[in-house]
Amino acid sequence: MIRLLIVDDHEMIRLGLKSLLQNEPKIQIVGEANSGYEAIQYTKTTNPDVILMDVKMAQLDGIQATKSIMEAHPQVKIIVLTSYENSEQARRILDAGAFSYLLKTSNPEKIISAIYQSMNQQAVIDETIAGKLLTHSNDLHSLHHSLTSRELDILKAITQGKSNQQIAIEFHISLATVKYHISNLLSKLQVKDRTQAVIYAYHHGLFQLQNE
């Protein structure tokens, strides 16, 4: 059973999501919050597996809430559900630790699928946002072909939301070696950070990342 926390400052949105998800046999709605502050508190008390997180909220926005939650509960998968298509906002909340990013205009099946996909370590990023985040003038189609097999393995681990420490343990290498490989693969893909690396992998269909 997937324990789900809904976070949105609009009651109608929360009611709509509850109506959509309450009959899903493998999803249990454990709470709802109307601010980032409440999201932090309810994460402590309800122990969710997945959080549907709005971005623009009073008291404390979704970006700050995501950062605080991920610092204390790194195992939680945060799926952003927002009306805004701002690429800088998307980058900030993904950098804060959000796992997936969807728009509220997404069809219901896509939202439900994203919840299940998150438990399989598969990120879902709205294609509109992905296109805005990945804005290179270079030909990106062949960049990943220059990656070594180890760099590809580590890139896959990054898309699964694994930390540097988790990657080091999985591949039996030092933390310094992980950082070295990540630095190399970011350079080869011509991206600035882990978030852009995930977007690149999504955009080019690597590792069966899902967009619906």
N, C-alpha and C. Protein backbone atom coordinates (compact mmCIF):
# COMPACT_ATOMS: atom_id res chain seq x y z
N MET A 1 0.84 -1.20 0.00
CA MET A 1 0.00 0.00 0.00
C MET A 1 0.88 1.25 0.00
N ILE A 2 0.60 2.17 -0.91
CA ILE A 2 1.35 3.42 -1.00
C ILE A 2 0.68 4.47 -0.12
N ARG A 3 1.43 4.98 0.84
CA ARG A 3 0.91 6.01 1.73
C ARG A 3 1.13 7.38 1.08
N LEU A 4 0.04 8.13 0.88
CA LEU A 4 0.09 9.36 0.11
C LEU A 4 -0.36 10.56 0.93
N LEU A 5 0.43 11.64 0.86
CA LEU A 5 0.07 12.92 1.48
C LEU A 5 -0.19 13.93 0.37
N ILE A 6 -1.32 14.64 0.45
CA ILE A 6 -1.68 15.65 -0.54
C ILE A 6 -1.41 17.03 0.04
N VAL A 7 -0.67 17.87 -0.70
CA VAL A 7 -0.32 19.21 -0.22
C VAL A 7 -0.73 20.24 -1.27
N ASP A 8 -1.70 21.07 -0.93
CA ASP A 8 -2.15 22.14 -1.82
C ASP A 8 -2.95 23.14 -1.00
N ASP A 9 -2.79 24.43 -1.30
CA ASP A 9 -3.49 25.43 -0.49
C ASP A 9 -4.90 25.73 -1.00
N HIS A 10 -5.33 25.04 -2.05
CA HIS A 10 -6.70 25.20 -2.54
C HIS A 10 -7.51 23.95 -2.18
N GLU A 11 -8.56 24.15 -1.41
CA GLU A 11 -9.37 23.03 -0.94
C GLU A 11 -9.98 22.25 -2.09
N MET A 12 -10.40 22.94 -3.15
CA MET A 12 -11.02 22.25 -4.27
C MET A 12 -10.04 21.31 -4.97
N ILE A 13 -8.77 21.71 -5.03
CA ILE A 13 -7.76 20.83 -5.62
C ILE A 13 -7.58 19.59 -4.76
N ARG A 14 -7.50 19.79 -3.45
CA ARG A 14 -7.34 18.65 -2.54
C ARG A 14 -8.53 17.70 -2.65
N LEU A 15 -9.73 18.27 -2.69
CA LEU A 15 -10.93 17.44 -2.82
C LEU A 15 -10.93 16.67 -4.13
N GLY A 16 -10.52 17.34 -5.21
CA GLY A 16 -10.47 16.68 -6.51
C GLY A 16 -9.48 15.53 -6.53
N LEU A 17 -8.32 15.74 -5.92
CA LEU A 17 -7.31 14.68 -5.88
C LEU A 17 -7.78 13.51 -5.01
N LYS A 18 -8.42 13.82 -3.90
CA LYS A 18 -8.95 12.77 -3.04
C LYS A 18 -10.00 11.95 -3.77
N SER A 19 -10.86 12.64 -4.52
CA SER A 19 -11.89 11.95 -5.29
C SER A 19 -11.27 11.05 -6.35
N LEU A 20 -10.20 11.55 -6.97
CA LEU A 20 -9.52 10.79 -8.02
C LEU A 20 -8.85 9.54 -7.47
N LEU A 21 -8.26 9.66 -6.28
CA LEU A 21 -7.38 8.61 -5.77
C LEU A 21 -8.00 7.69 -4.73
N GLN A 22 -9.13 8.07 -4.17
CA GLN A 22 -9.65 7.32 -3.02
C GLN A 22 -10.07 5.89 -3.37
N ASN A 23 -10.34 5.64 -4.65
CA ASN A 23 -10.74 4.29 -5.04
C ASN A 23 -9.60 3.45 -5.60
N GLU A 24 -8.39 4.03 -5.59
CA GLU A 24 -7.22 3.26 -6.02
C GLU A 24 -6.88 2.24 -4.94
N PRO A 25 -6.93 0.95 -5.26
CA PRO A 25 -6.77 -0.08 -4.22
C PRO A 25 -5.39 -0.12 -3.56
N LYS A 26 -4.38 0.42 -4.24
CA LYS A 26 -3.02 0.34 -3.69
C LYS A 26 -2.53 1.68 -3.15
N ILE A 27 -3.43 2.66 -3.06
CA ILE A 27 -3.06 3.98 -2.55
C ILE A 27 -3.91 4.32 -1.34
N GLN A 28 -3.25 4.70 -0.26
CA GLN A 28 -3.94 5.13 0.95
C GLN A 28 -3.61 6.59 1.23
N ILE A 29 -4.61 7.45 1.21
CA ILE A 29 -4.40 8.87 1.50
C ILE A 29 -4.31 9.02 3.02
N VAL A 30 -3.12 9.39 3.50
CA VAL A 30 -2.90 9.44 4.95
C VAL A 30 -3.06 10.85 5.52
N GLY A 31 -3.23 11.84 4.64
CA GLY A 31 -3.41 13.19 5.15
C GLY A 31 -3.42 14.21 4.03
N GLU A 32 -3.78 15.44 4.40
CA GLU A 32 -3.73 16.55 3.45
C GLU A 32 -3.28 17.80 4.20
N ALA A 33 -2.49 18.62 3.51
CA ALA A 33 -1.94 19.84 4.10
C ALA A 33 -2.23 21.01 3.18
N ASN A 34 -2.42 22.20 3.78
CA ASN A 34 -2.73 23.37 2.96
C ASN A 34 -1.59 24.37 2.89
N SER A 35 -0.40 23.96 3.36
CA SER A 35 0.77 24.84 3.29
C SER A 35 2.03 24.00 3.38
N GLY A 36 3.15 24.62 3.02
CA GLY A 36 4.42 23.93 3.14
C GLY A 36 4.74 23.60 4.58
N TYR A 37 4.36 24.50 5.49
CA TYR A 37 4.60 24.25 6.91
C TYR A 37 3.85 23.01 7.38
N GLU A 38 2.57 22.92 7.02
CA GLU A 38 1.79 21.74 7.40
C GLU A 38 2.35 20.48 6.75
N ALA A 39 2.85 20.60 5.53
CA ALA A 39 3.42 19.44 4.84
C ALA A 39 4.58 18.86 5.64
N ILE A 40 5.43 19.73 6.17
CA ILE A 40 6.57 19.27 6.97
C ILE A 40 6.08 18.56 8.23
N GLN A 41 5.10 19.17 8.90
CA GLN A 41 4.58 18.58 10.13
C GLN A 41 3.88 17.25 9.87
N TYR A 42 3.06 17.18 8.82
CA TYR A 42 2.31 15.96 8.53
C TYR A 42 3.21 14.84 8.02
N THR A 43 4.31 15.20 7.38
CA THR A 43 5.25 14.17 6.95
C THR A 43 5.82 13.45 8.17
N LYS A 44 6.05 14.20 9.24
CA LYS A 44 6.57 13.60 10.47
C LYS A 44 5.55 12.65 11.10
N THR A 45 4.27 13.03 11.05
CA THR A 45 3.25 12.28 11.79
C THR A 45 2.57 11.19 10.97
N THR A 46 2.54 11.33 9.64
CA THR A 46 1.81 10.36 8.81
C THR A 46 2.72 9.39 8.06
N ASN A 47 4.02 9.70 8.00
CA ASN A 47 5.00 8.82 7.37
C ASN A 47 4.59 8.41 5.95
N PRO A 48 4.42 9.37 5.03
CA PRO A 48 4.00 9.03 3.67
C PRO A 48 5.14 8.44 2.84
N ASP A 49 4.77 7.65 1.85
CA ASP A 49 5.74 7.17 0.86
C ASP A 49 5.88 8.19 -0.27
N VAL A 50 4.75 8.83 -0.61
CA VAL A 50 4.70 9.78 -1.72
C VAL A 50 3.95 11.02 -1.27
N ILE A 51 4.43 12.18 -1.73
CA ILE A 51 3.74 13.45 -1.47
C ILE A 51 3.42 14.12 -2.79
N LEU A 52 2.16 14.50 -2.98
CA LEU A 52 1.79 15.36 -4.10
C LEU A 52 1.92 16.79 -3.60
N MET A 53 2.86 17.55 -4.17
CA MET A 53 3.25 18.85 -3.63
C MET A 53 2.95 20.00 -4.59
N ASP A 54 2.16 20.97 -4.12
CA ASP A 54 1.98 22.21 -4.86
C ASP A 54 3.23 23.07 -4.65
N VAL A 55 3.40 24.10 -5.48
CA VAL A 55 4.58 24.95 -5.35
C VAL A 55 4.24 26.28 -4.68
N LYS A 56 3.30 27.01 -5.26
CA LYS A 56 2.94 28.33 -4.74
C LYS A 56 1.93 28.19 -3.61
N MET A 57 2.40 28.40 -2.37
CA MET A 57 1.53 28.30 -1.21
C MET A 57 1.91 29.37 -0.19
N ALA A 58 0.93 29.75 0.62
CA ALA A 58 1.19 30.72 1.68
C ALA A 58 1.98 30.05 2.81
N GLN A 59 2.52 30.86 3.70
CA GLN A 59 3.29 30.43 4.86
C GLN A 59 4.65 29.87 4.48
N LEU A 60 4.65 28.82 3.66
CA LEU A 60 5.92 28.23 3.22
C LEU A 60 5.66 27.56 1.88
N ASP A 61 6.44 27.93 0.85
CA ASP A 61 6.16 27.39 -0.47
C ASP A 61 6.67 25.96 -0.62
N GLY A 62 6.31 25.35 -1.75
CA GLY A 62 6.65 23.95 -1.98
C GLY A 62 8.14 23.70 -2.11
N ILE A 63 8.87 24.70 -2.58
CA ILE A 63 10.32 24.53 -2.74
C ILE A 63 11.00 24.38 -1.39
N GLN A 64 10.69 25.30 -0.47
CA GLN A 64 11.29 25.22 0.86
C GLN A 64 10.79 23.99 1.62
N ALA A 65 9.52 23.67 1.45
CA ALA A 65 8.97 22.48 2.12
C ALA A 65 9.66 21.22 1.61
N THR A 66 9.86 21.15 0.30
CA THR A 66 10.53 19.98 -0.28
C THR A 66 11.94 19.84 0.26
N LYS A 67 12.66 20.94 0.32
CA LYS A 67 14.03 20.91 0.84
C LYS A 67 14.06 20.40 2.27
N SER A 68 13.18 20.91 3.11
CA SER A 68 13.14 20.50 4.52
C SER A 68 12.75 19.03 4.66
N ILE A 69 11.75 18.62 3.89
CA ILE A 69 11.29 17.23 3.98
C ILE A 69 12.37 16.27 3.52
N MET A 70 13.05 16.59 2.42
CA MET A 70 14.07 15.68 1.90
C MET A 70 15.28 15.58 2.81
N GLU A 71 15.57 16.65 3.53
CA GLU A 71 16.68 16.60 4.49
C GLU A 71 16.37 15.65 5.63
N ALA A 72 15.12 15.62 6.06
CA ALA A 72 14.73 14.79 7.20
C ALA A 72 14.20 13.42 6.79
N HIS A 73 13.64 13.33 5.58
CA HIS A 73 13.01 12.08 5.13
C HIS A 73 13.41 11.80 3.68
N PRO A 74 14.67 11.48 3.43
CA PRO A 74 15.16 11.33 2.05
C PRO A 74 14.52 10.19 1.27
N GLN A 75 13.83 9.29 1.96
CA GLN A 75 13.19 8.16 1.28
C GLN A 75 11.87 8.54 0.63
N VAL A 76 11.31 9.68 1.00
CA VAL A 76 10.00 10.10 0.48
C VAL A 76 10.14 10.55 -0.98
N LYS A 77 9.17 10.18 -1.80
CA LYS A 77 9.14 10.62 -3.19
C LYS A 77 8.15 11.79 -3.30
N ILE A 78 8.65 12.95 -3.69
CA ILE A 78 7.81 14.13 -3.83
C ILE A 78 7.50 14.36 -5.31
N ILE A 79 6.21 14.34 -5.62
CA ILE A 79 5.75 14.61 -6.98
C ILE A 79 5.15 16.01 -7.00
N VAL A 80 5.77 16.90 -7.73
CA VAL A 80 5.26 18.27 -7.84
C VAL A 80 4.03 18.26 -8.75
N LEU A 81 2.98 18.93 -8.30
CA LEU A 81 1.76 19.07 -9.10
C LEU A 81 1.38 20.55 -9.06
N THR A 82 1.64 21.25 -10.15
CA THR A 82 1.52 22.70 -10.15
C THR A 82 0.87 23.21 -11.43
N SER A 83 0.44 24.46 -11.39
CA SER A 83 -0.13 25.11 -12.58
C SER A 83 0.93 25.86 -13.37
N TYR A 84 2.11 26.01 -12.78
CA TYR A 84 3.12 26.88 -13.36
C TYR A 84 4.11 26.11 -14.23
N GLU A 85 4.43 26.70 -15.38
CA GLU A 85 5.36 26.09 -16.33
C GLU A 85 6.71 26.80 -16.32
N ASN A 86 7.01 27.52 -15.25
CA ASN A 86 8.25 28.27 -15.15
C ASN A 86 9.43 27.32 -14.98
N SER A 87 10.39 27.38 -15.90
CA SER A 87 11.50 26.43 -15.87
C SER A 87 12.43 26.66 -14.69
N GLU A 88 12.62 27.92 -14.28
CA GLU A 88 13.49 28.19 -13.14
C GLU A 88 12.87 27.64 -11.86
N GLN A 89 11.57 27.81 -11.71
CA GLN A 89 10.88 27.24 -10.56
C GLN A 89 11.01 25.72 -10.55
N ALA A 90 10.84 25.11 -11.72
CA ALA A 90 10.97 23.66 -11.83
C ALA A 90 12.37 23.21 -11.44
N ARG A 91 13.37 23.92 -11.92
CA ARG A 91 14.75 23.56 -11.60
C ARG A 91 15.01 23.66 -10.10
N ARG A 92 14.49 24.71 -9.48
CA ARG A 92 14.73 24.91 -8.05
C ARG A 92 14.11 23.80 -7.21
N ILE A 93 12.89 23.40 -7.53
CA ILE A 93 12.25 22.38 -6.70
C ILE A 93 12.81 20.99 -6.99
N LEU A 94 13.24 20.75 -8.23
CA LEU A 94 13.90 19.48 -8.53
C LEU A 94 15.26 19.41 -7.83
N ASP A 95 15.96 20.53 -7.82
CA ASP A 95 17.24 20.59 -7.10
C ASP A 95 17.03 20.40 -5.60
N ALA A 96 15.88 20.83 -5.10
CA ALA A 96 15.58 20.68 -3.67
C ALA A 96 15.29 19.23 -3.30
N GLY A 97 15.05 18.40 -4.31
CA GLY A 97 14.85 16.98 -4.04
C GLY A 97 13.57 16.37 -4.58
N ALA A 98 12.74 17.17 -5.26
CA ALA A 98 11.51 16.61 -5.83
C ALA A 98 11.87 15.53 -6.84
N PHE A 99 11.05 14.49 -6.89
CA PHE A 99 11.34 13.33 -7.74
C PHE A 99 10.73 13.47 -9.12
N SER A 100 9.51 13.98 -9.18
CA SER A 100 8.81 14.13 -10.46
C SER A 100 8.15 15.50 -10.51
N TYR A 101 7.77 15.91 -11.73
CA TYR A 101 7.18 17.25 -11.91
C TYR A 101 6.06 17.15 -12.94
N LEU A 102 4.84 17.42 -12.49
CA LEU A 102 3.67 17.37 -13.36
C LEU A 102 2.89 18.67 -13.29
N LEU A 103 2.14 18.95 -14.33
CA LEU A 103 1.25 20.10 -14.34
C LEU A 103 -0.16 19.66 -13.95
N LYS A 104 -0.92 20.59 -13.37
CA LYS A 104 -2.28 20.26 -12.97
C LYS A 104 -3.19 20.01 -14.16
N THR A 105 -2.73 20.36 -15.34
CA THR A 105 -3.49 20.06 -16.55
C THR A 105 -3.27 18.63 -17.03
N SER A 106 -2.39 17.89 -16.36
CA SER A 106 -2.14 16.49 -16.73
C SER A 106 -3.43 15.69 -16.61
N ASN A 107 -3.58 14.70 -17.48
CA ASN A 107 -4.78 13.87 -17.36
C ASN A 107 -4.69 13.01 -16.10
N PRO A 108 -5.82 12.61 -15.54
CA PRO A 108 -5.82 11.85 -14.28
C PRO A 108 -4.98 10.59 -14.31
N GLU A 109 -5.00 9.89 -15.44
CA GLU A 109 -4.23 8.65 -15.54
C GLU A 109 -2.73 8.91 -15.39
N LYS A 110 -2.28 10.06 -15.88
CA LYS A 110 -0.86 10.38 -15.79
C LYS A 110 -0.46 10.64 -14.34
N ILE A 111 -1.33 11.30 -13.58
CA ILE A 111 -1.05 11.55 -12.17
C ILE A 111 -1.00 10.25 -11.39
N ILE A 112 -1.98 9.39 -11.62
CA ILE A 112 -2.01 8.10 -10.93
C ILE A 112 -0.77 7.28 -11.30
N SER A 113 -0.46 7.26 -12.58
CA SER A 113 0.71 6.51 -13.04
C SER A 113 1.99 7.02 -12.40
N ALA A 114 2.12 8.33 -12.26
CA ALA A 114 3.33 8.91 -11.67
C ALA A 114 3.53 8.44 -10.23
N ILE A 115 2.43 8.27 -9.51
CA ILE A 115 2.52 7.79 -8.12
C ILE A 115 3.09 6.37 -8.10
N TYR A 116 2.54 5.51 -8.93
CA TYR A 116 3.04 4.13 -8.98
C TYR A 116 4.47 4.08 -9.52
N GLN A 117 4.77 4.89 -10.53
CA GLN A 117 6.11 4.90 -11.12
C GLN A 117 7.15 5.33 -10.09
N SER A 118 6.78 6.26 -9.22
CA SER A 118 7.74 6.74 -8.22
C SER A 118 8.19 5.61 -7.30
N MET A 119 7.31 4.68 -7.02
CA MET A 119 7.67 3.56 -6.16
C MET A 119 8.56 2.56 -6.88
N ASN A 120 8.62 2.67 -8.20
CA ASN A 120 9.53 1.84 -9.01
C ASN A 120 10.78 2.62 -9.41
N GLN A 121 11.00 3.76 -8.73
CA GLN A 121 12.18 4.59 -8.97
C GLN A 121 12.21 5.17 -10.38
N GLN A 122 11.04 5.43 -10.96
CA GLN A 122 10.98 6.01 -12.30
C GLN A 122 10.39 7.41 -12.22
N ALA A 123 11.21 8.39 -12.56
CA ALA A 123 10.78 9.78 -12.52
C ALA A 123 9.85 10.09 -13.68
N VAL A 124 8.92 11.00 -13.44
CA VAL A 124 8.00 11.45 -14.48
C VAL A 124 8.08 12.97 -14.54
N ILE A 125 8.47 13.50 -15.68
CA ILE A 125 8.61 14.95 -15.83
C ILE A 125 7.79 15.39 -17.03
N ASP A 126 6.91 16.35 -16.79
CA ASP A 126 6.06 16.84 -17.87
C ASP A 126 6.91 17.24 -19.07
N GLU A 127 6.49 16.82 -20.24
CA GLU A 127 7.30 17.04 -21.44
C GLU A 127 7.49 18.52 -21.75
N THR A 128 6.51 19.35 -21.41
CA THR A 128 6.66 20.80 -21.63
C THR A 128 7.80 21.35 -20.78
N ILE A 129 7.83 20.95 -19.51
CA ILE A 129 8.88 21.40 -18.60
C ILE A 129 10.22 20.82 -19.01
N ALA A 130 10.23 19.56 -19.41
CA ALA A 130 11.49 18.93 -19.83
C ALA A 130 12.11 19.68 -20.99
N GLY A 131 11.27 20.07 -21.94
CA GLY A 131 11.78 20.81 -23.09
C GLY A 131 12.35 22.16 -22.70
N LYS A 132 11.73 22.82 -21.72
CA LYS A 132 12.22 24.12 -21.28
C LYS A 132 13.51 24.01 -20.48
N LEU A 133 13.62 22.93 -19.70
CA LEU A 133 14.82 22.75 -18.89
C LEU A 133 16.03 22.39 -19.74
N LEU A 134 15.78 21.66 -20.79
CA LEU A 134 16.88 21.22 -21.64
C LEU A 134 16.95 22.13 -22.86
N THR A 135 17.65 23.24 -22.72
CA THR A 135 17.72 24.22 -23.81
C THR A 135 19.16 24.39 -24.24
N HIS A 136 19.60 23.53 -25.12
CA HIS A 136 20.94 23.60 -25.67
C HIS A 136 20.86 23.86 -27.17
N SER A 137 21.78 24.61 -27.68
CA SER A 137 21.83 24.83 -29.11
C SER A 137 22.64 23.74 -29.81
N ASN A 138 23.37 22.95 -29.01
CA ASN A 138 24.20 21.89 -29.59
C ASN A 138 23.35 20.69 -29.99
N ASP A 139 23.90 19.84 -30.82
CA ASP A 139 23.23 18.59 -31.17
C ASP A 139 23.43 17.62 -30.03
N LEU A 140 22.33 17.32 -29.29
CA LEU A 140 22.45 16.49 -28.10
C LEU A 140 22.25 15.01 -28.37
N HIS A 141 21.91 14.65 -29.58
CA HIS A 141 21.48 13.28 -29.82
C HIS A 141 22.58 12.26 -29.61
N SER A 142 23.83 12.65 -29.75
CA SER A 142 24.91 11.66 -29.66
C SER A 142 25.79 11.86 -28.44
N LEU A 143 25.49 12.83 -27.59
CA LEU A 143 26.37 13.12 -26.46
C LEU A 143 26.51 11.94 -25.52
N HIS A 144 25.41 11.23 -25.25
CA HIS A 144 25.49 10.14 -24.28
C HIS A 144 26.28 8.94 -24.81
N HIS A 145 26.53 8.90 -26.11
CA HIS A 145 27.31 7.78 -26.66
C HIS A 145 28.78 7.85 -26.23
N SER A 146 29.19 9.00 -25.71
CA SER A 146 30.58 9.13 -25.26
C SER A 146 30.76 8.67 -23.81
N LEU A 147 29.66 8.33 -23.14
CA LEU A 147 29.75 7.90 -21.75
C LEU A 147 30.30 6.48 -21.66
N THR A 148 31.11 6.24 -20.65
CA THR A 148 31.59 4.88 -20.40
C THR A 148 30.46 4.06 -19.78
N SER A 149 30.64 2.75 -19.72
CA SER A 149 29.61 1.90 -19.13
C SER A 149 29.38 2.25 -17.66
N ARG A 150 30.44 2.59 -16.95
CA ARG A 150 30.30 2.98 -15.55
C ARG A 150 29.54 4.29 -15.42
N GLU A 151 29.84 5.24 -16.30
CA GLU A 151 29.13 6.52 -16.26
C GLU A 151 27.65 6.34 -16.59
N LEU A 152 27.34 5.43 -17.50
CA LEU A 152 25.94 5.14 -17.82
C LEU A 152 25.24 4.51 -16.61
N ASP A 153 25.94 3.62 -15.92
CA ASP A 153 25.37 3.00 -14.72
C ASP A 153 25.05 4.06 -13.67
N ILE A 154 25.97 5.00 -13.50
CA ILE A 154 25.78 6.04 -12.49
C ILE A 154 24.69 7.01 -12.93
N LEU A 155 24.62 7.32 -14.22
CA LEU A 155 23.54 8.17 -14.71
C LEU A 155 22.19 7.51 -14.45
N LYS A 156 22.10 6.21 -14.67
CA LYS A 156 20.85 5.50 -14.40
C LYS A 156 20.50 5.59 -12.92
N ALA A 157 21.50 5.45 -12.06
CA ALA A 157 21.25 5.55 -10.62
C ALA A 157 20.76 6.94 -10.24
N ILE A 158 21.31 7.96 -10.89
CA ILE A 158 20.87 9.34 -10.63
C ILE A 158 19.41 9.51 -11.02
N THR A 159 19.01 8.94 -12.16
CA THR A 159 17.61 9.06 -12.58
C THR A 159 16.67 8.33 -11.63
N GLN A 160 17.21 7.40 -10.86
CA GLN A 160 16.41 6.66 -9.89
C GLN A 160 16.35 7.37 -8.54
N GLY A 161 16.95 8.56 -8.49
CA GLY A 161 16.89 9.36 -7.28
C GLY A 161 17.86 8.94 -6.20
N LYS A 162 18.89 8.19 -6.55
CA LYS A 162 19.84 7.71 -5.55
C LYS A 162 20.88 8.78 -5.23
N SER A 163 21.27 8.83 -3.97
CA SER A 163 22.28 9.78 -3.52
C SER A 163 23.67 9.27 -3.88
N ASN A 164 24.67 10.15 -3.77
CA ASN A 164 26.05 9.74 -4.03
C ASN A 164 26.46 8.59 -3.11
N GLN A 165 26.03 8.65 -1.86
CA GLN A 165 26.38 7.60 -0.91
C GLN A 165 25.76 6.27 -1.31
N GLN A 166 24.50 6.30 -1.74
CA GLN A 166 23.84 5.07 -2.18
C GLN A 166 24.51 4.49 -3.42
N ILE A 167 24.93 5.37 -4.33
CA ILE A 167 25.62 4.92 -5.54
C ILE A 167 26.95 4.27 -5.18
N ALA A 168 27.67 4.88 -4.26
CA ALA A 168 28.96 4.33 -3.83
C ALA A 168 28.79 2.93 -3.26
N ILE A 169 27.77 2.75 -2.44
CA ILE A 169 27.52 1.44 -1.84
C ILE A 169 27.12 0.42 -2.90
N GLU A 170 26.25 0.83 -3.82
CA GLU A 170 25.76 -0.10 -4.85
C GLU A 170 26.87 -0.61 -5.74
N PHE A 171 27.81 0.28 -6.11
CA PHE A 171 28.86 -0.10 -7.05
C PHE A 171 30.19 -0.41 -6.37
N HIS A 172 30.19 -0.40 -5.04
CA HIS A 172 31.39 -0.75 -4.27
C HIS A 172 32.58 0.14 -4.65
N ILE A 173 32.31 1.43 -4.72
CA ILE A 173 33.37 2.39 -5.02
C ILE A 173 33.32 3.50 -3.98
N SER A 174 34.37 4.30 -3.93
CA SER A 174 34.43 5.37 -2.93
C SER A 174 33.54 6.54 -3.33
N LEU A 175 33.20 7.36 -2.35
CA LEU A 175 32.40 8.54 -2.61
C LEU A 175 33.13 9.49 -3.56
N ALA A 176 34.43 9.58 -3.40
CA ALA A 176 35.24 10.43 -4.27
C ALA A 176 35.18 9.95 -5.72
N THR A 177 35.17 8.63 -5.90
CA THR A 177 35.08 8.08 -7.25
C THR A 177 33.72 8.36 -7.88
N VAL A 178 32.67 8.28 -7.07
CA VAL A 178 31.33 8.62 -7.56
C VAL A 178 31.30 10.06 -8.04
N LYS A 179 31.84 10.96 -7.24
CA LYS A 179 31.85 12.38 -7.60
C LYS A 179 32.66 12.61 -8.88
N TYR A 180 33.74 11.86 -9.02
CA TYR A 180 34.58 11.97 -10.22
C TYR A 180 33.79 11.56 -11.47
N HIS A 181 33.09 10.43 -11.37
CA HIS A 181 32.31 9.95 -12.52
C HIS A 181 31.17 10.91 -12.85
N ILE A 182 30.52 11.45 -11.82
CA ILE A 182 29.41 12.38 -12.05
C ILE A 182 29.92 13.64 -12.73
N SER A 183 31.06 14.13 -12.27
CA SER A 183 31.65 15.32 -12.89
C SER A 183 31.95 15.06 -14.37
N ASN A 184 32.47 13.88 -14.67
CA ASN A 184 32.78 13.53 -16.06
C ASN A 184 31.53 13.44 -16.92
N LEU A 185 30.50 12.77 -16.39
CA LEU A 185 29.31 12.58 -17.23
C LEU A 185 28.56 13.89 -17.43
N LEU A 186 28.58 14.77 -16.43
CA LEU A 186 27.94 16.08 -16.61
C LEU A 186 28.66 16.87 -17.70
N SER A 187 29.98 16.78 -17.69
CA SER A 187 30.77 17.48 -18.70
C SER A 187 30.49 16.93 -20.10
N LYS A 188 30.43 15.60 -20.21
CA LYS A 188 30.20 14.98 -21.52
C LYS A 188 28.80 15.28 -22.06
N LEU A 189 27.82 15.36 -21.15
CA LEU A 189 26.45 15.64 -21.58
C LEU A 189 26.20 17.13 -21.76
N GLN A 190 27.18 17.94 -21.37
CA GLN A 190 27.08 19.40 -21.47
C GLN A 190 25.90 19.93 -20.67
N VAL A 191 25.76 19.40 -19.45
CA VAL A 191 24.72 19.87 -18.54
C VAL A 191 25.39 20.37 -17.26
N LYS A 192 24.65 21.19 -16.51
CA LYS A 192 25.24 21.85 -15.35
C LYS A 192 25.14 21.05 -14.06
N ASP A 193 24.11 20.22 -13.95
CA ASP A 193 23.88 19.57 -12.67
C ASP A 193 23.11 18.26 -12.85
N ARG A 194 22.85 17.59 -11.73
CA ARG A 194 22.15 16.30 -11.75
C ARG A 194 20.75 16.43 -12.34
N THR A 195 20.09 17.54 -12.03
CA THR A 195 18.74 17.74 -12.55
C THR A 195 18.73 17.74 -14.07
N GLN A 196 19.66 18.48 -14.67
CA GLN A 196 19.72 18.51 -16.13
C GLN A 196 20.11 17.16 -16.70
N ALA A 197 20.91 16.39 -15.95
CA ALA A 197 21.28 15.05 -16.41
C ALA A 197 20.04 14.15 -16.46
N VAL A 198 19.18 14.26 -15.45
CA VAL A 198 17.94 13.49 -15.45
C VAL A 198 17.05 13.91 -16.61
N ILE A 199 16.96 15.22 -16.85
CA ILE A 199 16.16 15.73 -17.96
C ILE A 199 16.71 15.21 -19.29
N TYR A 200 18.03 15.20 -19.42
CA TYR A 200 18.65 14.68 -20.65
C TYR A 200 18.24 13.22 -20.85
N ALA A 201 18.36 12.43 -19.79
CA ALA A 201 18.02 11.01 -19.89
C ALA A 201 16.56 10.83 -20.27
N TYR A 202 15.70 11.63 -19.67
CA TYR A 202 14.26 11.59 -20.01
C TYR A 202 14.04 11.96 -21.47
N HIS A 203 14.67 13.06 -21.88
CA HIS A 203 14.44 13.61 -23.22
C HIS A 203 14.87 12.63 -24.31
N HIS A 204 15.87 11.81 -24.02
CA HIS A 204 16.40 10.89 -25.02
C HIS A 204 15.98 9.44 -24.80
N GLY A 205 15.02 9.24 -23.90
CA GLY A 205 14.45 7.90 -23.73
C GLY A 205 15.39 6.89 -23.12
N LEU A 206 16.36 7.34 -22.34
CA LEU A 206 17.28 6.42 -21.69
C LEU A 206 16.62 5.79 -20.47
N PHE A 207 16.95 4.53 -20.21
CA PHE A 207 16.55 3.82 -18.98
C PHE A 207 15.04 3.75 -18.80
N GLN A 208 14.28 3.86 -19.86
CA GLN A 208 12.82 3.73 -19.81
C GLN A 208 12.18 4.71 -18.85
N LEU A 209 12.73 5.93 -18.79
CA LEU A 209 12.05 6.97 -18.02
C LEU A 209 10.69 7.21 -18.63
N GLN A 210 9.71 7.51 -17.79
CA GLN A 210 8.34 7.62 -18.25
C GLN A 210 7.90 9.07 -18.38
N ASN A 211 7.12 9.36 -19.41
CA ASN A 211 6.51 10.68 -19.51
C ASN A 211 4.99 10.61 -19.52
N GLU A 212 4.49 9.44 -19.30
CA GLU A 212 3.03 9.31 -19.19
C GLU A 212 2.71 8.02 -18.48
